[in-house]
Amino acid sequence: MKYYRNTQTDLIHAFEQDGSQDSLITEDFIQLTAEETDKLLNPERYLSDEEKEQIHLSSFPSLTRRQFKLALLDNDLLNTVEASIETIKDPIMKQRVQIEYSESERFERSNEAVQFMLGILNIPLSKVDEMWSSATKF
């Protein structure tokens, strides 16, 4: 395939390499460079580490409060999380995390408060991922 950007619409169009569709390529089309084509076909190569991490976190399903707490309990972390929330020094952050923890109906892996709570535990992210995945079975 060869790829062109329509300068009028800014849309990308793909045409057969064999020239069978060349009649459709008008003066409004500019062929993409090799780098632009690679970015189009392989966008993950151009993501920052932060963007890759966000994609990774968003790939996990949300957990119900029940699933989240059972996962903590099964990993002997429920009391640790609850006690750790009480030790948060910043009063605003403490209240925010308490509200998120006690009032949320669902827990998103990418949520800032969830990240904070999991960070308190100081366990490897691979273990958190494993816990999260197994919690979906509760």
Protein backbone atom coordinates (compact mmCIF):
# COMPACT_ATOMS: atom_id res chain seq x y z
CA MET A 1 0.00 0.00 0.00
CA LYS A 2 1.01 3.60 -0.50
CA TYR A 3 -0.40 6.30 1.70
CA TYR A 4 -1.47 9.84 0.87
CA ARG A 5 -2.84 12.74 2.88
CA ASN A 6 -5.67 14.74 1.32
CA THR A 7 -4.65 18.36 1.89
CA GLN A 8 -8.27 19.50 1.74
CA THR A 9 -9.65 17.10 4.36
CA ASP A 10 -6.44 16.07 6.17
CA LEU A 11 -7.59 12.45 5.85
CA ILE A 12 -5.16 9.64 5.05
CA HIS A 13 -5.95 7.38 2.10
CA ALA A 14 -4.34 4.06 1.16
CA PHE A 15 -3.91 3.02 -2.45
CA GLU A 16 -2.71 -0.22 -3.99
CA GLN A 17 1.00 -0.29 -4.69
CA ASP A 18 0.42 -1.75 -8.18
CA GLY A 19 -0.88 1.56 -9.55
CA SER A 20 -4.40 0.25 -10.20
CA GLN A 21 -5.89 3.10 -8.14
CA ASP A 22 -3.56 5.90 -9.22
CA SER A 23 -6.39 7.58 -11.14
CA LEU A 24 -7.97 8.36 -7.76
CA ILE A 25 -4.91 10.32 -6.61
CA THR A 26 -5.55 13.99 -7.37
CA GLU A 27 -3.42 17.09 -6.87
CA ASP A 28 -5.00 17.40 -3.41
CA PHE A 29 -3.04 14.32 -2.30
CA ILE A 30 0.50 14.34 -0.92
CA GLN A 31 2.31 11.05 -0.42
CA LEU A 32 3.37 10.34 3.15
CA THR A 33 7.06 10.07 3.89
CA ALA A 34 8.50 6.76 5.10
CA GLU A 35 8.50 8.08 8.67
CA GLU A 36 4.90 9.31 8.46
CA THR A 37 3.85 5.93 7.07
CA ASP A 38 5.65 4.14 9.90
CA LYS A 39 3.93 6.36 12.48
CA LEU A 40 0.59 5.56 10.85
CA LEU A 41 1.16 1.81 10.77
CA ASN A 42 3.12 1.45 14.04
CA PRO A 43 1.95 4.22 16.39
CA GLU A 44 3.08 2.29 19.48
CA ARG A 45 6.71 2.84 18.46
CA TYR A 46 6.24 6.59 18.90
CA LEU A 47 4.47 6.61 22.27
CA SER A 48 6.16 7.96 25.37
CA ASP A 49 6.64 5.63 28.32
CA GLU A 50 3.85 7.50 30.10
CA GLU A 51 1.46 6.96 27.17
CA LYS A 52 2.37 3.27 27.05
CA GLU A 53 1.71 2.97 30.78
CA GLN A 54 -1.69 4.68 30.43
CA ILE A 55 -2.64 2.26 27.66
CA HIS A 56 -1.48 -0.64 29.82
CA LEU A 57 -3.51 0.55 32.82
CA SER A 58 -6.62 1.23 30.76
CA SER A 59 -6.51 -2.34 29.43
CA PHE A 60 -7.61 -3.61 32.84
CA PRO A 61 -11.35 -3.83 33.49
CA SER A 62 -12.80 -1.82 36.33
CA LEU A 63 -13.45 -3.68 39.57
CA THR A 64 -16.47 -3.43 41.82
CA ARG A 65 -15.83 -2.35 45.39
CA ARG A 66 -16.40 -5.96 46.42
CA GLN A 67 -13.85 -7.32 43.92
CA PHE A 68 -11.28 -4.69 44.88
CA LYS A 69 -11.57 -5.35 48.61
CA LEU A 70 -11.60 -9.14 48.18
CA ALA A 71 -8.41 -8.90 46.11
CA LEU A 72 -6.79 -6.90 48.90
CA LEU A 73 -8.05 -9.38 51.50
CA ASP A 74 -6.84 -12.42 49.54
CA ASN A 75 -3.40 -10.85 49.34
CA ASP A 76 -3.37 -9.88 53.03
CA LEU A 77 -3.41 -6.19 52.12
CA LEU A 78 -6.86 -4.99 53.19
CA ASN A 79 -5.85 -3.87 56.69
CA THR A 80 -2.57 -2.45 55.36
CA VAL A 81 -4.39 -0.22 52.86
CA GLU A 82 -6.92 0.98 55.41
CA ALA A 83 -4.22 1.70 58.00
CA SER A 84 -2.01 3.40 55.41
CA ILE A 85 -4.79 5.75 54.37
CA GLU A 86 -4.96 6.95 57.98
CA THR A 87 -1.25 7.85 57.91
CA ILE A 88 -1.44 10.15 54.87
CA LYS A 89 -0.06 13.49 56.06
CA ASP A 90 -1.64 15.81 53.47
CA PRO A 91 -5.21 16.34 54.78
CA ILE A 92 -6.70 16.99 51.33
CA MET A 93 -5.07 13.92 49.80
CA LYS A 94 -6.10 11.86 52.81
CA GLN A 95 -9.74 12.91 52.43
CA ARG A 96 -9.64 12.37 48.68
CA VAL A 97 -8.25 8.85 49.06
CA GLN A 98 -10.71 8.05 51.89
CA ILE A 99 -13.64 9.18 49.73
CA GLU A 100 -12.38 7.27 46.71
CA TYR A 101 -11.79 4.15 48.81
CA SER A 102 -15.03 4.16 50.78
CA GLU A 103 -17.46 5.70 48.29
CA SER A 104 -16.42 4.39 44.89
CA GLU A 105 -18.69 1.81 43.35
CA ARG A 106 -16.02 0.86 40.81
CA PHE A 107 -12.24 1.03 40.85
CA GLU A 108 -10.31 1.88 37.71
CA ARG A 109 -6.70 0.69 37.49
CA SER A 110 -5.66 4.06 36.02
CA ASN A 111 -7.43 6.19 38.66
CA GLU A 112 -5.08 8.57 40.51
CA ALA A 113 -6.38 7.63 43.97
CA VAL A 114 -6.15 3.92 43.16
CA GLN A 115 -2.59 4.47 41.95
CA PHE A 116 -1.83 6.29 45.20
CA MET A 117 -3.33 3.50 47.32
CA LEU A 118 -1.42 0.84 45.42
CA GLY A 119 1.74 2.94 45.68
CA ILE A 120 1.40 2.95 49.47
CA LEU A 121 1.70 -0.83 49.40
CA ASN A 122 5.11 -0.65 47.72
CA ILE A 123 4.61 -3.88 45.78
CA PRO A 124 5.82 -4.56 42.23
CA LEU A 125 3.49 -3.44 39.45
CA SER A 126 3.52 -6.96 38.02
CA LYS A 127 2.03 -8.19 41.32
CA VAL A 128 -0.62 -5.46 41.21
CA ASP A 129 -1.47 -6.45 37.63
CA GLU A 130 -1.76 -10.09 38.69
CA MET A 131 -3.98 -9.18 41.67
CA TRP A 132 -6.18 -7.00 39.48
CA SER A 133 -6.63 -9.70 36.87
CA SER A 134 -7.51 -12.35 39.44
CA ALA A 135 -9.96 -9.98 41.16
CA THR A 136 -12.15 -10.01 38.06
CA LYS A 137 -12.99 -13.64 38.86
CA PHE A 138 -14.58 -12.82 42.24
